[in-house]
Amino acid sequence: MMESLTLTCSICESEVDLEGEGGITGNFGICPVAFCVWCYASILDMVSQGCLRCQEDEDPTIRQKQFDYLKETTNA
């Protein structure tokens, strides 16, 4: 009988249950990482907040607002 590998979340150090709850494993460069479902969801949320394309889906005028802001701050 094969023993199951216990994974630990690289952020919160809780157990990662890939088959039961979800989560993800992979590598940051050569460093192996694992994220529980909660930390993985938080990472995706954080990335979408910084993603211009994701923000455009919610507000199509976001690029113009950012351009206007940069124009104002650089010409001040």
PDB file of N, CA and C in Angstrom:
ATOM      1  N   MET A   1       0.836  -1.178   0.000  1.00  0.00           N
ATOM      2  CA  MET A   1       0.000   0.000   0.000  1.00  0.00           C
ATOM      3  C   MET A   1       0.884   1.247   0.000  1.00  0.00           C
ATOM      4  N   MET A   2       0.509   2.226  -0.813  1.00  0.00           N
ATOM      5  CA  MET A   2       1.290   3.450  -0.961  1.00  0.00           C
ATOM      6  C   MET A   2       0.837   4.510   0.044  1.00  0.00           C
ATOM      7  N   GLU A   3       1.802   5.127   0.727  1.00  0.00           N
ATOM      8  CA  GLU A   3       1.477   6.183   1.676  1.00  0.00           C
ATOM      9  C   GLU A   3       1.234   7.483   0.933  1.00  0.00           C
ATOM     10  N   SER A   4       0.256   8.276   1.413  1.00  0.00           N
ATOM     11  CA  SER A   4       0.003   9.565   0.774  1.00  0.00           C
ATOM     12  C   SER A   4       0.983  10.602   1.296  1.00  0.00           C
ATOM     13  N   LEU A   5       1.365  11.496   0.432  1.00  0.00           N
ATOM     14  CA  LEU A   5       2.300  12.554   0.764  1.00  0.00           C
ATOM     15  C   LEU A   5       1.537  13.687   1.439  1.00  0.00           C
ATOM     16  N   THR A   6       2.001  14.116   2.606  1.00  0.00           N
ATOM     17  CA  THR A   6       1.380  15.233   3.301  1.00  0.00           C
ATOM     18  C   THR A   6       2.064  16.517   2.871  1.00  0.00           C
ATOM     19  N   LEU A   7       1.273  17.441   2.341  1.00  0.00           N
ATOM     20  CA  LEU A   7       1.793  18.720   1.895  1.00  0.00           C
ATOM     21  C   LEU A   7       1.413  19.798   2.900  1.00  0.00           C
ATOM     22  N   THR A   8       2.287  20.787   3.053  1.00  0.00           N
ATOM     23  CA  THR A   8       2.049  21.903   3.953  1.00  0.00           C
ATOM     24  C   THR A   8       2.032  23.191   3.143  1.00  0.00           C
ATOM     25  N   CYS A   9       1.054  24.045   3.419  1.00  0.00           N
ATOM     26  CA  CYS A   9       0.938  25.318   2.718  1.00  0.00           C
ATOM     27  C   CYS A   9       2.175  26.173   2.985  1.00  0.00           C
ATOM     28  N   SER A  10       2.730  26.725   1.923  1.00  0.00           N
ATOM     29  CA  SER A  10       3.937  27.545   2.031  1.00  0.00           C
ATOM     30  C   SER A  10       3.676  28.893   2.705  1.00  0.00           C
ATOM     31  N   ILE A  11       2.420  29.288   2.845  1.00  0.00           N
ATOM     32  CA  ILE A  11       2.092  30.559   3.485  1.00  0.00           C
ATOM     33  C   ILE A  11       1.632  30.354   4.928  1.00  0.00           C
ATOM     34  N   CYS A  12       0.552  29.592   5.121  1.00  0.00           N
ATOM     35  CA  CYS A  12      -0.056  29.489   6.456  1.00  0.00           C
ATOM     36  C   CYS A  12       0.323  28.215   7.203  1.00  0.00           C
ATOM     37  N   GLU A  13       1.041  27.337   6.551  1.00  0.00           N
ATOM     38  CA  GLU A  13       1.523  26.081   7.126  1.00  0.00           C
ATOM     39  C   GLU A  13       0.415  25.102   7.520  1.00  0.00           C
ATOM     40  N   SER A  14      -0.797  25.278   6.954  1.00  0.00           N
ATOM     41  CA  SER A  14      -1.840  24.282   7.188  1.00  0.00           C
ATOM     42  C   SER A  14      -1.655  23.135   6.194  1.00  0.00           C
ATOM     43  N   GLU A  15      -2.361  22.058   6.429  1.00  0.00           N
ATOM     44  CA  GLU A  15      -2.262  20.901   5.543  1.00  0.00           C
ATOM     45  C   GLU A  15      -2.940  21.205   4.210  1.00  0.00           C
ATOM     46  N   VAL A  16      -2.322  20.808   3.130  1.00  0.00           N
ATOM     47  CA  VAL A  16      -2.873  20.992   1.786  1.00  0.00           C
ATOM     48  C   VAL A  16      -3.479  19.670   1.344  1.00  0.00           C
ATOM     49  N   ASP A  17      -4.776  19.685   1.086  1.00  0.00           N
ATOM     50  CA  ASP A  17      -5.504  18.491   0.651  1.00  0.00           C
ATOM     51  C   ASP A  17      -5.932  18.699  -0.797  1.00  0.00           C
ATOM     52  N   LEU A  18      -5.069  18.313  -1.724  1.00  0.00           N
ATOM     53  CA  LEU A  18      -5.320  18.563  -3.141  1.00  0.00           C
ATOM     54  C   LEU A  18      -6.564  17.842  -3.653  1.00  0.00           C
ATOM     55  N   GLU A  19      -6.789  16.630  -3.204  1.00  0.00           N
ATOM     56  CA  GLU A  19      -7.923  15.854  -3.701  1.00  0.00           C
ATOM     57  C   GLU A  19      -9.225  16.232  -3.020  1.00  0.00           C
ATOM     58  N   GLY A  20      -9.169  16.552  -1.738  1.00  0.00           N
ATOM     59  CA  GLY A  20     -10.385  16.843  -0.993  1.00  0.00           C
ATOM     60  C   GLY A  20     -10.861  18.277  -1.117  1.00  0.00           C
ATOM     61  N   GLU A  21      -9.995  19.233  -0.795  1.00  0.00           N
ATOM     62  CA  GLU A  21     -10.391  20.639  -0.771  1.00  0.00           C
ATOM     63  C   GLU A  21      -9.888  21.419  -1.973  1.00  0.00           C
ATOM     64  N   GLY A  22      -8.766  21.042  -2.502  1.00  0.00           N
ATOM     65  CA  GLY A  22      -8.163  21.787  -3.597  1.00  0.00           C
ATOM     66  C   GLY A  22      -6.832  22.364  -3.163  1.00  0.00           C
ATOM     67  N   GLY A  23      -6.423  23.398  -3.830  1.00  0.00           N
ATOM     68  CA  GLY A  23      -5.113  23.977  -3.597  1.00  0.00           C
ATOM     69  C   GLY A  23      -4.264  23.716  -4.820  1.00  0.00           C
ATOM     70  N   ILE A  24      -2.989  23.986  -4.697  1.00  0.00           N
ATOM     71  CA  ILE A  24      -2.114  23.827  -5.849  1.00  0.00           C
ATOM     72  C   ILE A  24      -0.686  23.610  -5.378  1.00  0.00           C
ATOM     73  N   THR A  25       0.082  22.911  -6.175  1.00  0.00           N
ATOM     74  CA  THR A  25       1.513  22.742  -5.923  1.00  0.00           C
ATOM     75  C   THR A  25       2.261  23.145  -7.183  1.00  0.00           C
ATOM     76  N   GLY A  26       3.502  23.523  -7.011  1.00  0.00           N
ATOM     77  CA  GLY A  26       4.315  23.900  -8.163  1.00  0.00           C
ATOM     78  C   GLY A  26       5.672  24.384  -7.706  1.00  0.00           C
ATOM     79  N   ASN A  27       6.281  25.202  -8.506  1.00  0.00           N
ATOM     80  CA  ASN A  27       7.609  25.729  -8.202  1.00  0.00           C
ATOM     81  C   ASN A  27       7.663  27.221  -8.460  1.00  0.00           C
ATOM     82  N   PHE A  28       8.335  27.945  -7.575  1.00  0.00           N
ATOM     83  CA  PHE A  28       8.746  29.322  -7.826  1.00  0.00           C
ATOM     84  C   PHE A  28      10.210  29.204  -8.189  1.00  0.00           C
ATOM     85  N   GLY A  29      10.497  29.231  -9.478  1.00  0.00           N
ATOM     86  CA  GLY A  29      11.866  28.968  -9.918  1.00  0.00           C
ATOM     87  C   GLY A  29      12.208  27.529  -9.580  1.00  0.00           C
ATOM     88  N   ILE A  30      13.207  27.333  -8.709  1.00  0.00           N
ATOM     89  CA  ILE A  30      13.592  25.980  -8.308  1.00  0.00           C
ATOM     90  C   ILE A  30      13.031  25.602  -6.944  1.00  0.00           C
ATOM     91  N   CYS A  31      12.278  26.515  -6.320  1.00  0.00           N
ATOM     92  CA  CYS A  31      11.738  26.265  -4.976  1.00  0.00           C
ATOM     93  C   CYS A  31      10.352  25.644  -5.064  1.00  0.00           C
ATOM     94  N   PRO A  32      10.168  24.448  -4.523  1.00  0.00           N
ATOM     95  CA  PRO A  32       8.837  23.849  -4.527  1.00  0.00           C
ATOM     96  C   PRO A  32       7.918  24.568  -3.540  1.00  0.00           C
ATOM     97  N   VAL A  33       6.666  24.784  -3.961  1.00  0.00           N
ATOM     98  CA  VAL A  33       5.675  25.437  -3.108  1.00  0.00           C
ATOM     99  C   VAL A  33       4.360  24.671  -3.169  1.00  0.00           C
ATOM    100  N   ALA A  34       3.558  24.853  -2.137  1.00  0.00           N
ATOM    101  CA  ALA A  34       2.205  24.304  -2.094  1.00  0.00           C
ATOM    102  C   ALA A  34       1.331  25.342  -1.408  1.00  0.00           C
ATOM    103  N   PHE A  35       0.115  25.527  -1.895  1.00  0.00           N
ATOM    104  CA  PHE A  35      -0.806  26.486  -1.305  1.00  0.00           C
ATOM    105  C   PHE A  35      -2.142  25.806  -1.027  1.00  0.00           C
ATOM    106  N   CYS A  36      -2.659  26.033   0.172  1.00  0.00           N
ATOM    107  CA  CYS A  36      -3.980  25.514   0.511  1.00  0.00           C
ATOM    108  C   CYS A  36      -5.017  26.278  -0.304  1.00  0.00           C
ATOM    109  N   VAL A  37      -6.239  25.810  -0.298  1.00  0.00           N
ATOM    110  CA  VAL A  37      -7.291  26.418  -1.098  1.00  0.00           C
ATOM    111  C   VAL A  37      -7.519  27.871  -0.696  1.00  0.00           C
ATOM    112  N   TRP A  38      -7.394  28.201   0.587  1.00  0.00           N
ATOM    113  CA  TRP A  38      -7.642  29.570   1.057  1.00  0.00           C
ATOM    114  C   TRP A  38      -6.513  30.513   0.617  1.00  0.00           C
ATOM    115  N   CYS A  39      -5.286  30.104   0.781  1.00  0.00           N
ATOM    116  CA  CYS A  39      -4.163  30.952   0.381  1.00  0.00           C
ATOM    117  C   CYS A  39      -4.109  31.093  -1.138  1.00  0.00           C
ATOM    118  N   TYR A  40      -4.408  30.025  -1.858  1.00  0.00           N
ATOM    119  CA  TYR A  40      -4.419  30.086  -3.314  1.00  0.00           C
ATOM    120  C   TYR A  40      -5.483  31.072  -3.794  1.00  0.00           C
ATOM    121  N   ALA A  41      -6.674  31.029  -3.207  1.00  0.00           N
ATOM    122  CA  ALA A  41      -7.739  31.967  -3.571  1.00  0.00           C
ATOM    123  C   ALA A  41      -7.310  33.405  -3.273  1.00  0.00           C
ATOM    124  N   SER A  42      -6.604  33.596  -2.165  1.00  0.00           N
ATOM    125  CA  SER A  42      -6.131  34.933  -1.805  1.00  0.00           C
ATOM    126  C   SER A  42      -5.080  35.430  -2.790  1.00  0.00           C
ATOM    127  N   ILE A  43      -4.204  34.550  -3.236  1.00  0.00           N
ATOM    128  CA  ILE A  43      -3.187  34.924  -4.228  1.00  0.00           C
ATOM    129  C   ILE A  43      -3.870  35.345  -5.530  1.00  0.00           C
ATOM    130  N   LEU A  44      -4.853  34.560  -5.979  1.00  0.00           N
ATOM    131  CA  LEU A  44      -5.556  34.899  -7.214  1.00  0.00           C
ATOM    132  C   LEU A  44      -6.270  36.236  -7.090  1.00  0.00           C
ATOM    133  N   ASP A  45      -6.871  36.500  -5.929  1.00  0.00           N
ATOM    134  CA  ASP A  45      -7.564  37.763  -5.704  1.00  0.00           C
ATOM    135  C   ASP A  45      -6.578  38.930  -5.744  1.00  0.00           C
ATOM    136  N   MET A  46      -5.426  38.758  -5.098  1.00  0.00           N
ATOM    137  CA  MET A  46      -4.419  39.818  -5.071  1.00  0.00           C
ATOM    138  C   MET A  46      -3.910  40.118  -6.485  1.00  0.00           C
ATOM    139  N   VAL A  47      -3.672  39.082  -7.273  1.00  0.00           N
ATOM    140  CA  VAL A  47      -3.200  39.277  -8.641  1.00  0.00           C
ATOM    141  C   VAL A  47      -4.258  39.989  -9.471  1.00  0.00           C
ATOM    142  N   SER A  48      -5.519  39.602  -9.327  1.00  0.00           N
ATOM    143  CA  SER A  48      -6.572  40.243 -10.125  1.00  0.00           C
ATOM    144  C   SER A  48      -6.732  41.711  -9.757  1.00  0.00           C
ATOM    145  N   GLN A  49      -6.441  42.090  -8.516  1.00  0.00           N
ATOM    146  CA  GLN A  49      -6.517  43.493  -8.107  1.00  0.00           C
ATOM    147  C   GLN A  49      -5.435  44.334  -8.776  1.00  0.00           C
ATOM    148  N   GLY A  50      -4.301  43.734  -9.085  1.00  0.00           N
ATOM    149  CA  GLY A  50      -3.211  44.455  -9.726  1.00  0.00           C
ATOM    150  C   GLY A  50      -3.177  44.307 -11.233  1.00  0.00           C
ATOM    151  N   CYS A  51      -4.092  43.562 -11.786  1.00  0.00           N
ATOM    152  CA  CYS A  51      -4.123  43.267 -13.224  1.00  0.00           C
ATOM    153  C   CYS A  51      -5.009  44.276 -13.950  1.00  0.00           C
ATOM    154  N   LEU A  52      -4.396  45.074 -14.842  1.00  0.00           N
ATOM    155  CA  LEU A  52      -5.173  46.077 -15.577  1.00  0.00           C
ATOM    156  C   LEU A  52      -6.280  45.446 -16.410  1.00  0.00           C
ATOM    157  N   ARG A  53      -5.979  44.324 -17.040  1.00  0.00           N
ATOM    158  CA  ARG A  53      -6.982  43.671 -17.867  1.00  0.00           C
ATOM    159  C   ARG A  53      -8.167  43.191 -17.031  1.00  0.00           C
ATOM    160  N   CYS A  54      -7.893  42.687 -15.822  1.00  0.00           N
ATOM    161  CA  CYS A  54      -8.968  42.250 -14.930  1.00  0.00           C
ATOM    162  C   CYS A  54      -9.804  43.438 -14.476  1.00  0.00           C
ATOM    163  N   GLN A  55      -9.148  44.567 -14.192  1.00  0.00           N
ATOM    164  CA  GLN A  55      -9.860  45.765 -13.754  1.00  0.00           C
ATOM    165  C   GLN A  55     -10.701  46.339 -14.888  1.00  0.00           C
ATOM    166  N   GLU A  56     -10.225  46.221 -16.123  1.00  0.00           N
ATOM    167  CA  GLU A  56     -10.995  46.712 -17.264  1.00  0.00           C
ATOM    168  C   GLU A  56     -12.300  45.958 -17.416  1.00  0.00           C
ATOM    169  N   ASP A  57     -12.320  44.686 -17.050  1.00  0.00           N
ATOM    170  CA  ASP A  57     -13.555  43.917 -17.119  1.00  0.00           C
ATOM    171  C   ASP A  57     -14.603  44.515 -16.197  1.00  0.00           C
ATOM    172  N   GLU A  58     -14.162  45.056 -15.064  1.00  0.00           N
ATOM    173  CA  GLU A  58     -15.080  45.654 -14.110  1.00  0.00           C
ATOM    174  C   GLU A  58     -15.363  47.118 -14.447  1.00  0.00           C
ATOM    175  N   ASP A  59     -14.367  47.853 -14.955  1.00  0.00           N
ATOM    176  CA  ASP A  59     -14.493  49.277 -15.264  1.00  0.00           C
ATOM    177  C   ASP A  59     -13.746  49.573 -16.562  1.00  0.00           C
ATOM    178  N   PRO A  60     -14.461  49.680 -17.672  1.00  0.00           N
ATOM    179  CA  PRO A  60     -13.806  49.877 -18.967  1.00  0.00           C
ATOM    180  C   PRO A  60     -13.030  51.185 -19.074  1.00  0.00           C
ATOM    181  N   THR A  61     -13.228  52.133 -18.172  1.00  0.00           N
ATOM    182  CA  THR A  61     -12.541  53.421 -18.253  1.00  0.00           C
ATOM    183  C   THR A  61     -11.283  53.463 -17.399  1.00  0.00           C
ATOM    184  N   ILE A  62     -10.869  52.340 -16.833  1.00  0.00           N
ATOM    185  CA  ILE A  62      -9.749  52.320 -15.892  1.00  0.00           C
ATOM    186  C   ILE A  62      -8.450  52.808 -16.522  1.00  0.00           C
ATOM    187  N   ARG A  63      -8.160  52.432 -17.763  1.00  0.00           N
ATOM    188  CA  ARG A  63      -6.917  52.875 -18.406  1.00  0.00           C
ATOM    189  C   ARG A  63      -6.903  54.394 -18.573  1.00  0.00           C
ATOM    190  N   GLN A  64      -8.025  54.964 -18.976  1.00  0.00           N
ATOM    191  CA  GLN A  64      -8.078  56.412 -19.142  1.00  0.00           C
ATOM    192  C   GLN A  64      -7.899  57.111 -17.795  1.00  0.00           C
ATOM    193  N   LYS A  65      -8.484  56.577 -16.740  1.00  0.00           N
ATOM    194  CA  LYS A  65      -8.322  57.147 -15.402  1.00  0.00           C
ATOM    195  C   LYS A  65      -6.850  57.085 -14.964  1.00  0.00           C
ATOM    196  N   GLN A  66      -6.192  55.967 -15.237  1.00  0.00           N
ATOM    197  CA  GLN A  66      -4.787  55.835 -14.867  1.00  0.00           C
ATOM    198  C   GLN A  66      -3.921  56.779 -15.698  1.00  0.00           C
ATOM    199  N   PHE A  67      -4.213  56.916 -16.973  1.00  0.00           N
ATOM    200  CA  PHE A  67      -3.478  57.831 -17.832  1.00  0.00           C
ATOM    201  C   PHE A  67      -3.645  59.272 -17.340  1.00  0.00           C
ATOM    202  N   ASP A  68      -4.888  59.656 -17.020  1.00  0.00           N
ATOM    203  CA  ASP A  68      -5.155  61.003 -16.513  1.00  0.00           C
ATOM    204  C   ASP A  68      -4.409  61.262 -15.217  1.00  0.00           C
ATOM    205  N   TYR A  69      -4.384  60.268 -14.332  1.00  0.00           N
ATOM    206  CA  TYR A  69      -3.686  60.418 -13.062  1.00  0.00           C
ATOM    207  C   TYR A  69      -2.177  60.612 -13.290  1.00  0.00           C
ATOM    208  N   LEU A  70      -1.601  59.803 -14.158  1.00  0.00           N
ATOM    209  CA  LEU A  70      -0.167  59.930 -14.451  1.00  0.00           C
ATOM    210  C   LEU A  70       0.144  61.280 -15.091  1.00  0.00           C
ATOM    211  N   LYS A  71      -0.728  61.728 -15.963  1.00  0.00           N
ATOM    212  CA  LYS A  71      -0.543  63.018 -16.620  1.00  0.00           C
ATOM    213  C   LYS A  71      -0.561  64.157 -15.592  1.00  0.00           C
ATOM    214  N   GLU A  72      -1.504  64.084 -14.661  1.00  0.00           N
ATOM    215  CA  GLU A  72      -1.610  65.113 -13.611  1.00  0.00           C
ATOM    216  C   GLU A  72      -0.408  65.117 -12.685  1.00  0.00           C
ATOM    217  N   THR A  73       0.057  63.947 -12.295  1.00  0.00           N
ATOM    218  CA  THR A  73       1.149  63.878 -11.329  1.00  0.00           C
ATOM    219  C   THR A  73       2.505  64.195 -11.949  1.00  0.00           C
ATOM    220  N   THR A  74       2.675  63.944 -13.238  1.00  0.00           N
ATOM    221  CA  THR A  74       3.964  64.243 -13.867  1.00  0.00           C
ATOM    222  C   THR A  74       4.056  65.684 -14.337  1.00  0.00           C
ATOM    223  N   ASN A  75       2.930  66.338 -14.542  1.00  0.00           N
ATOM    224  CA  ASN A  75       2.927  67.743 -14.962  1.00  0.00           C
ATOM    225  C   ASN A  75       2.753  68.699 -13.800  1.00  0.00           C
ATOM    226  N   ALA A  76       2.729  68.192 -12.601  1.00  0.00           N
ATOM    227  CA  ALA A  76       2.478  69.049 -11.429  1.00  0.00           C
ATOM    228  C   ALA A  76       3.660  69.903 -11.082  1.00  0.00           C
TER     229      ALA A  76
END
